[in-house]
C-alpha atoms as a PDB file:
ATOM      1  CA  MET A   1      62.687  15.459 -45.292  1.00  0.00           C
ATOM      2  CA  SER A   2      63.615  13.274 -48.269  1.00  0.00           C
ATOM      3  CA  GLU A   3      67.009  13.542 -49.956  1.00  0.00           C
ATOM      4  CA  MET A   4      65.419  15.230 -52.992  1.00  0.00           C
ATOM      5  CA  ASN A   5      64.102  18.091 -50.836  1.00  0.00           C
ATOM      6  CA  LYS A   6      67.476  19.032 -49.346  1.00  0.00           C
ATOM      7  CA  PRO A   7      69.315  21.889 -51.066  1.00  0.00           C
ATOM      8  CA  ASN A   8      72.276  20.632 -53.098  1.00  0.00           C
ATOM      9  CA  LYS A   9      75.083  23.081 -52.378  1.00  0.00           C
ATOM     10  CA  SER A  10      76.843  21.927 -55.572  1.00  0.00           C
ATOM     11  CA  ILE A  11      74.044  23.118 -57.879  1.00  0.00           C
ATOM     12  CA  GLN A  12      73.249  26.819 -57.679  1.00  0.00           C
ATOM     13  CA  CYS A  13      69.958  27.800 -59.313  1.00  0.00           C
ATOM     14  CA  GLY A  14      68.067  31.073 -59.583  1.00  0.00           C
ATOM     15  CA  VAL A  15      65.033  29.699 -61.446  1.00  0.00           C
ATOM     16  CA  CYS A  16      62.298  30.201 -58.834  1.00  0.00           C
ATOM     17  CA  SER A  17      59.570  28.698 -61.045  1.00  0.00           C
ATOM     18  CA  CYS A  18      61.207  25.234 -60.968  1.00  0.00           C
ATOM     19  CA  GLN A  19      59.772  22.755 -58.470  1.00  0.00           C
ATOM     20  CA  PHE A  20      63.317  21.704 -57.492  1.00  0.00           C
ATOM     21  CA  HIS A  21      64.422  25.272 -56.636  1.00  0.00           C
ATOM     22  CA  ASP A  22      65.251  25.755 -52.965  1.00  0.00           C
ATOM     23  CA  LYS A  23      64.598  29.128 -51.312  1.00  0.00           C
ATOM     24  CA  SER A  24      68.344  29.456 -50.702  1.00  0.00           C
ATOM     25  CA  ASP A  25      68.980  29.500 -54.509  1.00  0.00           C
ATOM     26  CA  TYR A  26      70.098  25.890 -54.758  1.00  0.00           C
ATOM     27  CA  CYS A  27      68.621  22.905 -56.588  1.00  0.00           C
ATOM     28  CA  SER A  28      67.187  20.069 -54.494  1.00  0.00           C
ATOM     29  CA  LEU A  29      68.117  17.377 -57.042  1.00  0.00           C
ATOM     30  CA  ALA A  30      71.228  15.236 -56.593  1.00  0.00           C
ATOM     31  CA  LYS A  31      72.143  15.890 -60.229  1.00  0.00           C
ATOM     32  CA  ILE A  32      70.755  17.789 -63.215  1.00  0.00           C
ATOM     33  CA  ARG A  33      70.786  17.298 -66.953  1.00  0.00           C
ATOM     34  CA  VAL A  34      71.941  20.130 -69.217  1.00  0.00           C
ATOM     35  CA  ASP A  35      70.430  20.009 -72.695  1.00  0.00           C
ATOM     36  CA  ALA A  36      71.170  21.883 -75.890  1.00  0.00           C
ATOM     37  CA  ILE A  37      68.475  24.214 -77.205  1.00  0.00           C
ATOM     38  CA  PRO A  38      67.580  22.917 -80.672  1.00  0.00           C
ATOM     39  CA  GLY A  39      68.560  25.203 -83.540  1.00  0.00           C
ATOM     40  CA  GLN A  40      70.802  27.528 -81.517  1.00  0.00           C
ATOM     41  CA  SER A  41      74.441  28.076 -82.475  1.00  0.00           C
ATOM     42  CA  SER A  42      75.487  31.528 -81.267  1.00  0.00           C
ATOM     43  CA  GLY A  43      78.409  30.220 -79.217  1.00  0.00           C
ATOM     44  CA  LYS A  44      76.923  31.758 -76.034  1.00  0.00           C
ATOM     45  CA  ALA A  45      76.020  29.358 -73.224  1.00  0.00           C
ATOM     46  CA  GLU A  46      72.841  31.294 -72.390  1.00  0.00           C
ATOM     47  CA  ASP A  47      71.631  30.886 -75.976  1.00  0.00           C
ATOM     48  CA  GLU A  48      72.596  27.245 -76.462  1.00  0.00           C
ATOM     49  CA  SER A  49      71.954  25.416 -73.188  1.00  0.00           C
ATOM     50  CA  MET A  50      69.138  24.877 -70.694  1.00  0.00           C
ATOM     51  CA  CYS A  51      68.416  22.731 -67.654  1.00  0.00           C
ATOM     52  CA  GLY A  52      66.786  19.561 -68.923  1.00  0.00           C
ATOM     53  CA  SER A  53      65.716  18.656 -65.364  1.00  0.00           C
ATOM     54  CA  TYR A  54      63.471  21.732 -65.045  1.00  0.00           C
ATOM     55  CA  ARG A  55      59.902  21.067 -63.910  1.00  0.00           C
ATOM     56  CA  CYS A  56      57.423  23.895 -63.426  1.00  0.00           C
ATOM     57  CA  ARG A  57      56.087  24.330 -59.880  1.00  0.00           C
ATOM     58  CA  CYS A  58      52.614  24.515 -61.388  1.00  0.00           C
ATOM     59  CA  HIS A  59      52.844  20.747 -62.109  1.00  0.00           C
ATOM     60  CA  GLU A  60      53.708  19.668 -58.550  1.00  0.00           C
END
């Protein structure tokens, strides 16, 4: 198993559609990038940020 496929216990993730999501609700990447959502300014993290490392499983 490569390093990228091991669950990273430091990055919890519940996005099952991401190709880096591990069945134990962790990310298999060593690090992730968090990006701002363009045009959002509500002050709420869920409205203003997203995982920039996300890749859909459908593109594996």
